[in-house]
Amino acid sequence: SLNLFDQYDAVSSAFVATKSKTVSLNYNLMFKEMPLNINFISLFF
């Protein structure tokens, strides 16, 4: 996801930008021959 927020600043007479970036990964393994589940997650913000 990417979020861009631009707001006009009266002091500088220009737009001031705020940028937010998020990347996440979710990987789930469900074993068929045994009741075992393993989950891995990662997130970068």
PDB file of all heavy atoms in Angstrom:
ATOM      1  N   SER A   1       0.837  -1.194   0.000  1.00  0.00           N
ATOM      2  CA  SER A   1       0.000   0.000   0.000  1.00  0.00           C
ATOM      3  C   SER A   1       0.872   1.244   0.000  1.00  0.00           C
ATOM      4  O   SER A   1       1.985   1.260   0.543  1.00  0.00           O
ATOM      5  CB  SER A   1      -0.938   0.009   1.209  1.00  0.00           C
ATOM      6  OG  SER A   1      -0.210   0.078   2.415  1.00  0.00           O
ATOM      7  N   LEU A   2       0.350   2.287  -0.608  1.00  0.00           N
ATOM      8  CA  LEU A   2       1.028   3.575  -0.683  1.00  0.00           C
ATOM      9  C   LEU A   2       0.007   4.662  -0.395  1.00  0.00           C
ATOM     10  O   LEU A   2      -1.068   4.699  -1.006  1.00  0.00           O
ATOM     11  CB  LEU A   2       1.633   3.780  -2.074  1.00  0.00           C
ATOM     12  CG  LEU A   2       2.242   5.161  -2.358  1.00  0.00           C
ATOM     13  CD1 LEU A   2       3.447   5.419  -1.457  1.00  0.00           C
ATOM     14  CD2 LEU A   2       2.630   5.291  -3.831  1.00  0.00           C
ATOM     15  N   ASN A   3       0.342   5.535   0.548  1.00  0.00           N
ATOM     16  CA  ASN A   3      -0.537   6.631   0.904  1.00  0.00           C
ATOM     17  C   ASN A   3       0.220   7.950   0.748  1.00  0.00           C
ATOM     18  O   ASN A   3       1.293   8.132   1.330  1.00  0.00           O
ATOM     19  CB  ASN A   3      -1.033   6.485   2.344  1.00  0.00           C
ATOM     20  CG  ASN A   3      -2.111   7.492   2.691  1.00  0.00           C
ATOM     21  OD1 ASN A   3      -3.264   7.354   2.285  1.00  0.00           O
ATOM     22  ND2 ASN A   3      -1.734   8.511   3.439  1.00  0.00           N
ATOM     23  N   LEU A   4      -0.337   8.843  -0.061  1.00  0.00           N
ATOM     24  CA  LEU A   4       0.286  10.143  -0.319  1.00  0.00           C
ATOM     25  C   LEU A   4      -0.645  11.248   0.180  1.00  0.00           C
ATOM     26  O   LEU A   4      -1.823  11.304  -0.216  1.00  0.00           O
ATOM     27  CB  LEU A   4       0.540  10.326  -1.822  1.00  0.00           C
ATOM     28  CG  LEU A   4       1.372   9.244  -2.502  1.00  0.00           C
ATOM     29  CD1 LEU A   4       1.409   9.471  -4.004  1.00  0.00           C
ATOM     30  CD2 LEU A   4       2.780   9.215  -1.936  1.00  0.00           C
ATOM     31  N   PHE A   5      -0.113  12.101   1.028  1.00  0.00           N
ATOM     32  CA  PHE A   5      -0.899  13.196   1.585  1.00  0.00           C
ATOM     33  C   PHE A   5      -0.133  14.496   1.393  1.00  0.00           C
ATOM     34  O   PHE A   5       0.945  14.683   1.946  1.00  0.00           O
ATOM     35  CB  PHE A   5      -1.165  12.952   3.071  1.00  0.00           C
ATOM     36  CG  PHE A   5      -2.027  14.003   3.714  1.00  0.00           C
ATOM     37  CD1 PHE A   5      -3.397  14.005   3.517  1.00  0.00           C
ATOM     38  CD2 PHE A   5      -1.464  14.985   4.507  1.00  0.00           C
ATOM     39  CE1 PHE A   5      -4.195  14.976   4.110  1.00  0.00           C
ATOM     40  CE2 PHE A   5      -2.248  15.955   5.107  1.00  0.00           C
ATOM     41  CZ  PHE A   5      -3.623  15.950   4.910  1.00  0.00           C
ATOM     42  N   ASP A   6      -0.697  15.381   0.569  1.00  0.00           N
ATOM     43  CA  ASP A   6      -0.075  16.677   0.277  1.00  0.00           C
ATOM     44  C   ASP A   6      -0.945  17.788   0.854  1.00  0.00           C
ATOM     45  O   ASP A   6      -2.146  17.852   0.568  1.00  0.00           O
ATOM     46  CB  ASP A   6       0.077  16.880  -1.237  1.00  0.00           C
ATOM     47  CG  ASP A   6       0.995  15.855  -1.867  1.00  0.00           C
ATOM     48  OD1 ASP A   6       1.951  15.451  -1.198  1.00  0.00           O
ATOM     49  OD2 ASP A   6       0.734  15.452  -3.012  1.00  0.00           O
ATOM     50  N   GLN A   7      -0.314  18.674   1.630  1.00  0.00           N
ATOM     51  CA  GLN A   7      -1.040  19.775   2.244  1.00  0.00           C
ATOM     52  C   GLN A   7      -0.303  21.081   1.992  1.00  0.00           C
ATOM     53  O   GLN A   7       0.925  21.158   2.151  1.00  0.00           O
ATOM     54  CB  GLN A   7      -1.209  19.553   3.747  1.00  0.00           C
ATOM     55  CG  GLN A   7      -2.005  20.644   4.441  1.00  0.00           C
ATOM     56  CD  GLN A   7      -2.281  20.322   5.894  1.00  0.00           C
ATOM     57  OE1 GLN A   7      -1.841  19.299   6.409  1.00  0.00           O
ATOM     58  NE2 GLN A   7      -3.033  21.180   6.568  1.00  0.00           N
ATOM     59  N   TYR A   8      -1.065  22.108   1.601  1.00  0.00           N
ATOM     60  CA  TYR A   8      -0.454  23.410   1.328  1.00  0.00           C
ATOM     61  C   TYR A   8      -0.035  24.071   2.632  1.00  0.00           C
ATOM     62  O   TYR A   8      -0.814  24.174   3.588  1.00  0.00           O
ATOM     63  CB  TYR A   8      -1.429  24.305   0.569  1.00  0.00           C
ATOM     64  CG  TYR A   8      -0.815  25.622   0.160  1.00  0.00           C
ATOM     65  CD1 TYR A   8      -0.035  25.715  -0.989  1.00  0.00           C
ATOM     66  CD2 TYR A   8      -1.007  26.771   0.920  1.00  0.00           C
ATOM     67  CE1 TYR A   8       0.537  26.912  -1.372  1.00  0.00           C
ATOM     68  CE2 TYR A   8      -0.442  27.983   0.542  1.00  0.00           C
ATOM     69  CZ  TYR A   8       0.332  28.040  -0.599  1.00  0.00           C
ATOM     70  OH  TYR A   8       0.901  29.229  -0.972  1.00  0.00           O
ATOM     71  N   ASP A   9       1.222  24.530   2.674  1.00  0.00           N
ATOM     72  CA  ASP A   9       1.778  25.186   3.849  1.00  0.00           C
ATOM     73  C   ASP A   9       1.922  26.679   3.569  1.00  0.00           C
ATOM     74  O   ASP A   9       2.651  27.093   2.655  1.00  0.00           O
ATOM     75  CB  ASP A   9       3.136  24.574   4.205  1.00  0.00           C
ATOM     76  CG  ASP A   9       3.730  25.211   5.448  1.00  0.00           C
ATOM     77  OD1 ASP A   9       3.123  25.093   6.520  1.00  0.00           O
ATOM     78  OD2 ASP A   9       4.814  25.833   5.335  1.00  0.00           O
ATOM     79  N   ALA A  10       1.195  27.500   4.394  1.00  0.00           N
ATOM     80  CA  ALA A  10       1.188  28.944   4.148  1.00  0.00           C
ATOM     81  C   ALA A  10       2.541  29.583   4.406  1.00  0.00           C
ATOM     82  O   ALA A  10       2.892  30.593   3.781  1.00  0.00           O
ATOM     83  CB  ALA A  10       0.120  29.605   5.025  1.00  0.00           C
ATOM     84  N   VAL A  11       3.338  29.001   5.311  1.00  0.00           N
ATOM     85  CA  VAL A  11       4.632  29.588   5.652  1.00  0.00           C
ATOM     86  C   VAL A  11       5.615  29.470   4.492  1.00  0.00           C
ATOM     87  O   VAL A  11       6.276  30.428   4.091  1.00  0.00           O
ATOM     88  CB  VAL A  11       5.208  28.932   6.918  1.00  0.00           C
ATOM     89  CG1 VAL A  11       6.600  29.490   7.232  1.00  0.00           C
ATOM     90  CG2 VAL A  11       4.265  29.151   8.097  1.00  0.00           C
ATOM     91  N   SER A  12       5.686  28.273   3.928  1.00  0.00           N
ATOM     92  CA  SER A  12       6.628  28.041   2.826  1.00  0.00           C
ATOM     93  C   SER A  12       6.016  28.318   1.459  1.00  0.00           C
ATOM     94  O   SER A  12       6.717  28.274   0.448  1.00  0.00           O
ATOM     95  CB  SER A  12       7.137  26.601   2.877  1.00  0.00           C
ATOM     96  OG  SER A  12       6.055  25.701   2.706  1.00  0.00           O
ATOM     97  N   SER A  13       4.694  28.571   1.423  1.00  0.00           N
ATOM     98  CA  SER A  13       3.982  28.806   0.154  1.00  0.00           C
ATOM     99  C   SER A  13       4.197  27.651  -0.822  1.00  0.00           C
ATOM    100  O   SER A  13       4.397  27.845  -2.027  1.00  0.00           O
ATOM    101  CB  SER A  13       4.437  30.124  -0.485  1.00  0.00           C
ATOM    102  OG  SER A  13       4.142  31.210   0.365  1.00  0.00           O
ATOM    103  N   ALA A  14       4.164  26.448  -0.281  1.00  0.00           N
ATOM    104  CA  ALA A  14       4.376  25.257  -1.111  1.00  0.00           C
ATOM    105  C   ALA A  14       3.650  24.085  -0.465  1.00  0.00           C
ATOM    106  O   ALA A  14       3.242  24.139   0.705  1.00  0.00           O
ATOM    107  CB  ALA A  14       5.864  24.955  -1.250  1.00  0.00           C
ATOM    108  N   PHE A  15       3.507  22.998  -1.237  1.00  0.00           N
ATOM    109  CA  PHE A  15       2.895  21.791  -0.711  1.00  0.00           C
ATOM    110  C   PHE A  15       3.919  20.989   0.100  1.00  0.00           C
ATOM    111  O   PHE A  15       5.068  20.837  -0.309  1.00  0.00           O
ATOM    112  CB  PHE A  15       2.335  20.921  -1.842  1.00  0.00           C
ATOM    113  CG  PHE A  15       0.994  21.378  -2.328  1.00  0.00           C
ATOM    114  CD1 PHE A  15       0.887  22.282  -3.372  1.00  0.00           C
ATOM    115  CD2 PHE A  15      -0.163  20.915  -1.728  1.00  0.00           C
ATOM    116  CE1 PHE A  15      -0.338  22.713  -3.819  1.00  0.00           C
ATOM    117  CE2 PHE A  15      -1.397  21.337  -2.160  1.00  0.00           C
ATOM    118  CZ  PHE A  15      -1.498  22.237  -3.212  1.00  0.00           C
ATOM    119  N   VAL A  16       3.477  20.488   1.248  1.00  0.00           N
ATOM    120  CA  VAL A  16       4.296  19.628   2.098  1.00  0.00           C
ATOM    121  C   VAL A  16       3.727  18.215   1.992  1.00  0.00           C
ATOM    122  O   VAL A  16       2.535  17.994   2.208  1.00  0.00           O
ATOM    123  CB  VAL A  16       4.294  20.111   3.559  1.00  0.00           C
ATOM    124  CG1 VAL A  16       5.093  19.168   4.429  1.00  0.00           C
ATOM    125  CG2 VAL A  16       4.834  21.532   3.640  1.00  0.00           C
ATOM    126  N   ALA A  17       4.594  17.268   1.674  1.00  0.00           N
ATOM    127  CA  ALA A  17       4.139  15.910   1.385  1.00  0.00           C
ATOM    128  C   ALA A  17       4.417  14.962   2.542  1.00  0.00           C
ATOM    129  O   ALA A  17       5.455  15.041   3.197  1.00  0.00           O
ATOM    130  CB  ALA A  17       4.822  15.390   0.124  1.00  0.00           C
ATOM    131  N   THR A  18       3.462  14.074   2.781  1.00  0.00           N
ATOM    132  CA  THR A  18       3.630  12.960   3.714  1.00  0.00           C
ATOM    133  C   THR A  18       3.430  11.680   2.922  1.00  0.00           C
ATOM    134  O   THR A  18       2.427  11.533   2.218  1.00  0.00           O
ATOM    135  CB  THR A  18       2.619  13.035   4.868  1.00  0.00           C
ATOM    136  OG1 THR A  18       2.850  14.221   5.621  1.00  0.00           O
ATOM    137  CG2 THR A  18       2.760  11.837   5.781  1.00  0.00           C
ATOM    138  N   LYS A  19       4.379  10.763   3.054  1.00  0.00           N
ATOM    139  CA  LYS A  19       4.327   9.519   2.290  1.00  0.00           C
ATOM    140  C   LYS A  19       4.423   8.331   3.244  1.00  0.00           C
ATOM    141  O   LYS A  19       5.294   8.279   4.114  1.00  0.00           O
ATOM    142  CB  LYS A  19       5.466   9.454   1.276  1.00  0.00           C
ATOM    143  CG  LYS A  19       5.462   8.187   0.411  1.00  0.00           C
ATOM    144  CD  LYS A  19       6.701   8.112  -0.483  1.00  0.00           C
ATOM    145  CE  LYS A  19       6.720   9.246  -1.484  1.00  0.00           C
ATOM    146  NZ  LYS A  19       7.862   9.120  -2.427  1.00  0.00           N
ATOM    147  N   SER A  20       3.518   7.371   3.063  1.00  0.00           N
ATOM    148  CA  SER A  20       3.505   6.173   3.900  1.00  0.00           C
ATOM    149  C   SER A  20       3.473   4.944   3.000  1.00  0.00           C
ATOM    150  O   SER A  20       2.608   4.832   2.122  1.00  0.00           O
ATOM    151  CB  SER A  20       2.286   6.181   4.826  1.00  0.00           C
ATOM    152  OG  SER A  20       2.209   4.989   5.570  1.00  0.00           O
ATOM    153  N   LYS A  21       4.416   4.031   3.223  1.00  0.00           N
ATOM    154  CA  LYS A  21       4.498   2.804   2.426  1.00  0.00           C
ATOM    155  C   LYS A  21       4.492   1.577   3.336  1.00  0.00           C
ATOM    156  O   LYS A  21       5.162   1.562   4.370  1.00  0.00           O
ATOM    157  CB  LYS A  21       5.777   2.801   1.579  1.00  0.00           C
ATOM    158  CG  LYS A  21       5.823   3.895   0.520  1.00  0.00           C
ATOM    159  CD  LYS A  21       7.105   3.838  -0.285  1.00  0.00           C
ATOM    160  CE  LYS A  21       8.306   4.292   0.547  1.00  0.00           C
ATOM    161  NZ  LYS A  21       9.551   4.383  -0.264  1.00  0.00           N
ATOM    162  N   THR A  22       3.724   0.560   2.944  1.00  0.00           N
ATOM    163  CA  THR A  22       3.630  -0.681   3.720  1.00  0.00           C
ATOM    164  C   THR A  22       3.684  -1.872   2.776  1.00  0.00           C
ATOM    165  O   THR A  22       2.999  -1.889   1.748  1.00  0.00           O
ATOM    166  CB  THR A  22       2.328  -0.738   4.534  1.00  0.00           C
ATOM    167  OG1 THR A  22       2.225   0.413   5.369  1.00  0.00           O
ATOM    168  CG2 THR A  22       2.285  -1.985   5.403  1.00  0.00           C
ATOM    169  N   VAL A  23       4.491  -2.860   3.135  1.00  0.00           N
ATOM    170  CA  VAL A  23       4.545  -4.126   2.411  1.00  0.00           C
ATOM    171  C   VAL A  23       4.490  -5.253   3.431  1.00  0.00           C
ATOM    172  O   VAL A  23       5.227  -5.233   4.428  1.00  0.00           O
ATOM    173  CB  VAL A  23       5.832  -4.260   1.570  1.00  0.00           C
ATOM    174  CG1 VAL A  23       5.869  -5.620   0.875  1.00  0.00           C
ATOM    175  CG2 VAL A  23       5.924  -3.143   0.542  1.00  0.00           C
ATOM    176  N   SER A  24       3.595  -6.210   3.214  1.00  0.00           N
ATOM    177  CA  SER A  24       3.484  -7.344   4.149  1.00  0.00           C
ATOM    178  C   SER A  24       3.380  -8.654   3.382  1.00  0.00           C
ATOM    179  O   SER A  24       2.889  -8.698   2.249  1.00  0.00           O
ATOM    180  CB  SER A  24       2.270  -7.177   5.065  1.00  0.00           C
ATOM    181  OG  SER A  24       1.070  -7.205   4.310  1.00  0.00           O
ATOM    182  N   LEU A  25       3.838  -9.717   4.032  1.00  0.00           N
ATOM    183  CA  LEU A  25       3.804 -11.063   3.454  1.00  0.00           C
ATOM    184  C   LEU A  25       3.315 -12.035   4.515  1.00  0.00           C
ATOM    185  O   LEU A  25       3.792 -12.015   5.656  1.00  0.00           O
ATOM    186  CB  LEU A  25       5.194 -11.476   2.968  1.00  0.00           C
ATOM    187  CG  LEU A  25       5.366 -12.944   2.554  1.00  0.00           C
ATOM    188  CD1 LEU A  25       4.545 -13.249   1.304  1.00  0.00           C
ATOM    189  CD2 LEU A  25       6.840 -13.271   2.307  1.00  0.00           C
ATOM    190  N   ASN A  26       2.360 -12.870   4.127  1.00  0.00           N
ATOM    191  CA  ASN A  26       1.833 -13.903   5.017  1.00  0.00           C
ATOM    192  C   ASN A  26       1.903 -15.243   4.289  1.00  0.00           C
ATOM    193  O   ASN A  26       1.333 -15.394   3.210  1.00  0.00           O
ATOM    194  CB  ASN A  26       0.384 -13.574   5.407  1.00  0.00           C
ATOM    195  CG  ASN A  26      -0.144 -14.495   6.491  1.00  0.00           C
ATOM    196  OD1 ASN A  26      -0.059 -15.703   6.387  1.00  0.00           O
ATOM    197  ND2 ASN A  26      -0.729 -13.909   7.522  1.00  0.00           N
ATOM    198  N   TYR A  27       2.614 -16.207   4.889  1.00  0.00           N
ATOM    199  CA  TYR A  27       2.804 -17.525   4.268  1.00  0.00           C
ATOM    200  C   TYR A  27       2.361 -18.585   5.259  1.00  0.00           C
ATOM    201  O   TYR A  27       2.882 -18.672   6.375  1.00  0.00           O
ATOM    202  CB  TYR A  27       4.268 -17.712   3.877  1.00  0.00           C
ATOM    203  CG  TYR A  27       4.601 -19.055   3.261  1.00  0.00           C
ATOM    204  CD1 TYR A  27       3.677 -19.740   2.478  1.00  0.00           C
ATOM    205  CD2 TYR A  27       5.857 -19.630   3.451  1.00  0.00           C
ATOM    206  CE1 TYR A  27       3.995 -20.957   1.908  1.00  0.00           C
ATOM    207  CE2 TYR A  27       6.187 -20.852   2.879  1.00  0.00           C
ATOM    208  CZ  TYR A  27       5.252 -21.515   2.110  1.00  0.00           C
ATOM    209  OH  TYR A  27       5.568 -22.729   1.559  1.00  0.00           O
ATOM    210  N   ASN A  28       1.369 -19.393   4.861  1.00  0.00           N
ATOM    211  CA  ASN A  28       0.786 -20.401   5.749  1.00  0.00           C
ATOM    212  C   ASN A  28       0.961 -21.789   5.145  1.00  0.00           C
ATOM    213  O   ASN A  28       0.655 -21.997   3.963  1.00  0.00           O
ATOM    214  CB  ASN A  28      -0.699 -20.101   5.963  1.00  0.00           C
ATOM    215  CG  ASN A  28      -1.261 -20.845   7.159  1.00  0.00           C
ATOM    216  OD1 ASN A  28      -0.578 -21.049   8.159  1.00  0.00           O
ATOM    217  ND2 ASN A  28      -2.516 -21.233   7.066  1.00  0.00           N
ATOM    218  N   LEU A  29       1.453 -22.721   5.950  1.00  0.00           N
ATOM    219  CA  LEU A  29       1.637 -24.115   5.530  1.00  0.00           C
ATOM    220  C   LEU A  29       0.735 -25.004   6.374  1.00  0.00           C
ATOM    221  O   LEU A  29       0.817 -25.001   7.607  1.00  0.00           O
ATOM    222  CB  LEU A  29       3.090 -24.565   5.700  1.00  0.00           C
ATOM    223  CG  LEU A  29       4.167 -23.842   4.897  1.00  0.00           C
ATOM    224  CD1 LEU A  29       4.700 -22.647   5.700  1.00  0.00           C
ATOM    225  CD2 LEU A  29       5.323 -24.802   4.588  1.00  0.00           C
ATOM    226  N   MET A  30      -0.113 -25.797   5.715  1.00  0.00           N
ATOM    227  CA  MET A  30      -1.030 -26.720   6.394  1.00  0.00           C
ATOM    228  C   MET A  30      -0.709 -28.139   5.934  1.00  0.00           C
ATOM    229  O   MET A  30      -0.902 -28.474   4.764  1.00  0.00           O
ATOM    230  CB  MET A  30      -2.478 -26.360   6.068  1.00  0.00           C
ATOM    231  CG  MET A  30      -2.877 -24.967   6.564  1.00  0.00           C
ATOM    232  SD  MET A  30      -4.482 -24.416   5.934  1.00  0.00           S
ATOM    233  CE  MET A  30      -4.049 -24.094   4.214  1.00  0.00           C
ATOM    234  N   PHE A  31      -0.215 -28.940   6.840  1.00  0.00           N
ATOM    235  CA  PHE A  31       0.225 -30.295   6.509  1.00  0.00           C
ATOM    236  C   PHE A  31      -0.987 -31.222   6.406  1.00  0.00           C
ATOM    237  O   PHE A  31      -1.902 -31.170   7.228  1.00  0.00           O
ATOM    238  CB  PHE A  31       1.204 -30.803   7.555  1.00  0.00           C
ATOM    239  CG  PHE A  31       2.536 -30.099   7.515  1.00  0.00           C
ATOM    240  CD1 PHE A  31       2.702 -28.851   8.090  1.00  0.00           C
ATOM    241  CD2 PHE A  31       3.624 -30.684   6.888  1.00  0.00           C
ATOM    242  CE1 PHE A  31       3.912 -28.192   8.043  1.00  0.00           C
ATOM    243  CE2 PHE A  31       4.851 -30.038   6.840  1.00  0.00           C
ATOM    244  CZ  PHE A  31       5.000 -28.784   7.413  1.00  0.00           C
ATOM    245  N   LYS A  32      -0.970 -32.090   5.399  1.00  0.00           N
ATOM    246  CA  LYS A  32      -2.099 -32.967   5.135  1.00  0.00           C
ATOM    247  C   LYS A  32      -2.114 -34.203   6.020  1.00  0.00           C
ATOM    248  O   LYS A  32      -3.168 -34.650   6.442  1.00  0.00           O
ATOM    249  CB  LYS A  32      -2.089 -33.403   3.661  1.00  0.00           C
ATOM    250  CG  LYS A  32      -2.244 -32.257   2.664  1.00  0.00           C
ATOM    251  CD  LYS A  32      -2.201 -32.780   1.239  1.00  0.00           C
ATOM    252  CE  LYS A  32      -2.345 -31.660   0.218  1.00  0.00           C
ATOM    253  NZ  LYS A  32      -2.288 -32.168  -1.175  1.00  0.00           N
ATOM    254  N   GLU A  33      -0.938 -34.766   6.295  1.00  0.00           N
ATOM    255  CA  GLU A  33      -0.876 -36.043   6.999  1.00  0.00           C
ATOM    256  C   GLU A  33      -0.684 -35.890   8.501  1.00  0.00           C
ATOM    257  O   GLU A  33      -0.582 -36.876   9.215  1.00  0.00           O
ATOM    258  CB  GLU A  33       0.244 -36.904   6.411  1.00  0.00           C
ATOM    259  CG  GLU A  33       0.023 -37.229   4.931  1.00  0.00           C
ATOM    260  CD  GLU A  33       1.164 -38.046   4.347  1.00  0.00           C
ATOM    261  OE1 GLU A  33       2.138 -38.298   5.094  1.00  0.00           O
ATOM    262  OE2 GLU A  33       1.074 -38.416   3.171  1.00  0.00           O
ATOM    263  N   MET A  34      -0.611 -34.662   8.977  1.00  0.00           N
ATOM    264  CA  MET A  34      -0.507 -34.408  10.415  1.00  0.00           C
ATOM    265  C   MET A  34      -1.182 -33.079  10.716  1.00  0.00           C
ATOM    266  O   MET A  34      -1.202 -32.185   9.872  1.00  0.00           O
ATOM    267  CB  MET A  34       0.960 -34.378  10.856  1.00  0.00           C
ATOM    268  CG  MET A  34       1.778 -33.245  10.243  1.00  0.00           C
ATOM    269  SD  MET A  34       3.487 -33.223  10.823  1.00  0.00           S
ATOM    270  CE  MET A  34       4.149 -34.615   9.918  1.00  0.00           C
ATOM    271  N   PRO A  35      -1.772 -32.924  11.901  1.00  0.00           N
ATOM    272  CA  PRO A  35      -2.494 -31.676  12.252  1.00  0.00           C
ATOM    273  C   PRO A  35      -1.543 -30.555  12.666  1.00  0.00           C
ATOM    274  O   PRO A  35      -1.620 -30.018  13.767  1.00  0.00           O
ATOM    275  CB  PRO A  35      -3.388 -32.117  13.412  1.00  0.00           C
ATOM    276  CG  PRO A  35      -2.630 -33.230  14.064  1.00  0.00           C
ATOM    277  CD  PRO A  35      -1.910 -33.956  12.965  1.00  0.00           C
ATOM    278  N   LEU A  36      -0.629 -30.207  11.747  1.00  0.00           N
ATOM    279  CA  LEU A  36       0.372 -29.179  12.008  1.00  0.00           C
ATOM    280  C   LEU A  36       0.192 -28.022  11.041  1.00  0.00           C
ATOM    281  O   LEU A  36       0.079 -28.215   9.835  1.00  0.00           O
ATOM    282  CB  LEU A  36       1.781 -29.768  11.859  1.00  0.00           C
ATOM    283  CG  LEU A  36       2.944 -28.769  11.932  1.00  0.00           C
ATOM    284  CD1 LEU A  36       3.040 -28.140  13.312  1.00  0.00           C
ATOM    285  CD2 LEU A  36       4.253 -29.456  11.550  1.00  0.00           C
ATOM    286  N   ASN A  37       0.170 -26.809  11.580  1.00  0.00           N
ATOM    287  CA  ASN A  37       0.140 -25.581  10.788  1.00  0.00           C
ATOM    288  C   ASN A  37       1.325 -24.714  11.169  1.00  0.00           C
ATOM    289  O   ASN A  37       1.656 -24.581  12.353  1.00  0.00           O
ATOM    290  CB  ASN A  37      -1.148 -24.785  11.031  1.00  0.00           C
ATOM    291  CG  ASN A  37      -2.349 -25.382  10.333  1.00  0.00           C
ATOM    292  OD1 ASN A  37      -2.260 -26.427   9.692  1.00  0.00           O
ATOM    293  ND2 ASN A  37      -3.486 -24.726  10.474  1.00  0.00           N
ATOM    294  N   ILE A  38       1.957 -24.124  10.155  1.00  0.00           N
ATOM    295  CA  ILE A  38       3.065 -23.200  10.390  1.00  0.00           C
ATOM    296  C   ILE A  38       2.787 -21.924   9.623  1.00  0.00           C
ATOM    297  O   ILE A  38       2.443 -21.966   8.434  1.00  0.00           O
ATOM    298  CB  ILE A  38       4.416 -23.801   9.955  1.00  0.00           C
ATOM    299  CG1 ILE A  38       4.694 -25.119  10.678  1.00  0.00           C
ATOM    300  CG2 ILE A  38       5.550 -22.819  10.222  1.00  0.00           C
ATOM    301  CD1 ILE A  38       5.964 -25.815  10.228  1.00  0.00           C
ATOM    302  N   ASN A  39       2.939 -20.791  10.301  1.00  0.00           N
ATOM    303  CA  ASN A  39       2.655 -19.514   9.682  1.00  0.00           C
ATOM    304  C   ASN A  39       3.852 -18.580   9.838  1.00  0.00           C
ATOM    305  O   ASN A  39       4.465 -18.512  10.900  1.00  0.00           O
ATOM    306  CB  ASN A  39       1.406 -18.876  10.321  1.00  0.00           C
ATOM    307  CG  ASN A  39       1.127 -17.492   9.779  1.00  0.00           C
ATOM    308  OD1 ASN A  39       1.471 -16.489  10.405  1.00  0.00           O
ATOM    309  ND2 ASN A  39       0.511 -17.425   8.609  1.00  0.00           N
ATOM    310  N   PHE A  40       4.180 -17.872   8.743  1.00  0.00           N
ATOM    311  CA  PHE A  40       5.253 -16.872   8.772  1.00  0.00           C
ATOM    312  C   PHE A  40       4.671 -15.532   8.318  1.00  0.00           C
ATOM    313  O   PHE A  40       3.929 -15.475   7.341  1.00  0.00           O
ATOM    314  CB  PHE A  40       6.402 -17.266   7.834  1.00  0.00           C
ATOM    315  CG  PHE A  40       7.073 -18.552   8.191  1.00  0.00           C
ATOM    316  CD1 PHE A  40       6.710 -19.743   7.550  1.00  0.00           C
ATOM    317  CD2 PHE A  40       8.063 -18.596   9.157  1.00  0.00           C
ATOM    318  CE1 PHE A  40       7.327 -20.929   7.866  1.00  0.00           C
ATOM    319  CE2 PHE A  40       8.688 -19.787   9.483  1.00  0.00           C
ATOM    320  CZ  PHE A  40       8.318 -20.966   8.838  1.00  0.00           C
ATOM    321  N   ILE A  41       5.009 -14.466   9.023  1.00  0.00           N
ATOM    322  CA  ILE A  41       4.560 -13.134   8.635  1.00  0.00           C
ATOM    323  C   ILE A  41       5.750 -12.178   8.650  1.00  0.00           C
ATOM    324  O   ILE A  41       6.701 -12.340   9.415  1.00  0.00           O
ATOM    325  CB  ILE A  41       3.461 -12.589   9.566  1.00  0.00           C
ATOM    326  CG1 ILE A  41       3.977 -12.455  11.007  1.00  0.00           C
ATOM    327  CG2 ILE A  41       2.212 -13.432   9.512  1.00  0.00           C
ATOM    328  CD1 ILE A  41       3.041 -11.698  11.923  1.00  0.00           C
ATOM    329  N   SER A  42       5.689 -11.193   7.784  1.00  0.00           N
ATOM    330  CA  SER A  42       6.683 -10.126   7.796  1.00  0.00           C
ATOM    331  C   SER A  42       6.006  -8.847   7.330  1.00  0.00           C
ATOM    332  O   SER A  42       5.084  -8.883   6.497  1.00  0.00           O
ATOM    333  CB  SER A  42       7.874 -10.456   6.895  1.00  0.00           C
ATOM    334  OG  SER A  42       7.455 -10.638   5.557  1.00  0.00           O
ATOM    335  N   LEU A  43       6.439  -7.727   7.880  1.00  0.00           N
ATOM    336  CA  LEU A  43       5.845  -6.443   7.538  1.00  0.00           C
ATOM    337  C   LEU A  43       6.914  -5.364   7.564  1.00  0.00           C
ATOM    338  O   LEU A  43       7.759  -5.346   8.473  1.00  0.00           O
ATOM    339  CB  LEU A  43       4.715  -6.092   8.515  1.00  0.00           C
ATOM    340  CG  LEU A  43       3.954  -4.778   8.270  1.00  0.00           C
ATOM    341  CD1 LEU A  43       2.487  -4.934   8.605  1.00  0.00           C
ATOM    342  CD2 LEU A  43       4.562  -3.639   9.108  1.00  0.00           C
ATOM    343  N   PHE A  44       6.858  -4.488   6.577  1.00  0.00           N
ATOM    344  CA  PHE A  44       7.800  -3.367   6.495  1.00  0.00           C
ATOM    345  C   PHE A  44       6.986  -2.085   6.307  1.00  0.00           C
ATOM    346  O   PHE A  44       6.147  -2.000   5.397  1.00  0.00           O
ATOM    347  CB  PHE A  44       8.775  -3.554   5.340  1.00  0.00           C
ATOM    348  CG  PHE A  44       9.532  -4.855   5.404  1.00  0.00           C
ATOM    349  CD1 PHE A  44       9.049  -5.986   4.755  1.00  0.00           C
ATOM    350  CD2 PHE A  44      10.701  -4.953   6.148  1.00  0.00           C
ATOM    351  CE1 PHE A  44       9.726  -7.184   4.823  1.00  0.00           C
ATOM    352  CE2 PHE A  44      11.392  -6.154   6.218  1.00  0.00           C
ATOM    353  CZ  PHE A  44      10.910  -7.267   5.564  1.00  0.00           C
ATOM    354  N   PHE A  45       7.241  -1.122   7.162  1.00  0.00           N
ATOM    355  CA  PHE A  45       6.463   0.110   7.175  1.00  0.00           C
ATOM    356  C   PHE A  45       7.399   1.301   7.217  1.00  0.00           C
ATOM    357  O   PHE A  45       8.373   1.327   7.977  1.00  0.00           O
ATOM    358  CB  PHE A  45       5.538   0.125   8.400  1.00  0.00           C
ATOM    359  CG  PHE A  45       4.835   1.432   8.627  1.00  0.00           C
ATOM    360  CD1 PHE A  45       3.737   1.792   7.864  1.00  0.00           C
ATOM    361  CD2 PHE A  45       5.269   2.301   9.627  1.00  0.00           C
ATOM    362  CE1 PHE A  45       3.086   2.996   8.085  1.00  0.00           C
ATOM    363  CE2 PHE A  45       4.623   3.499   9.849  1.00  0.00           C
ATOM    364  CZ  PHE A  45       3.521   3.851   9.081  1.00  0.00           C
TER     365      PHE A  45
END
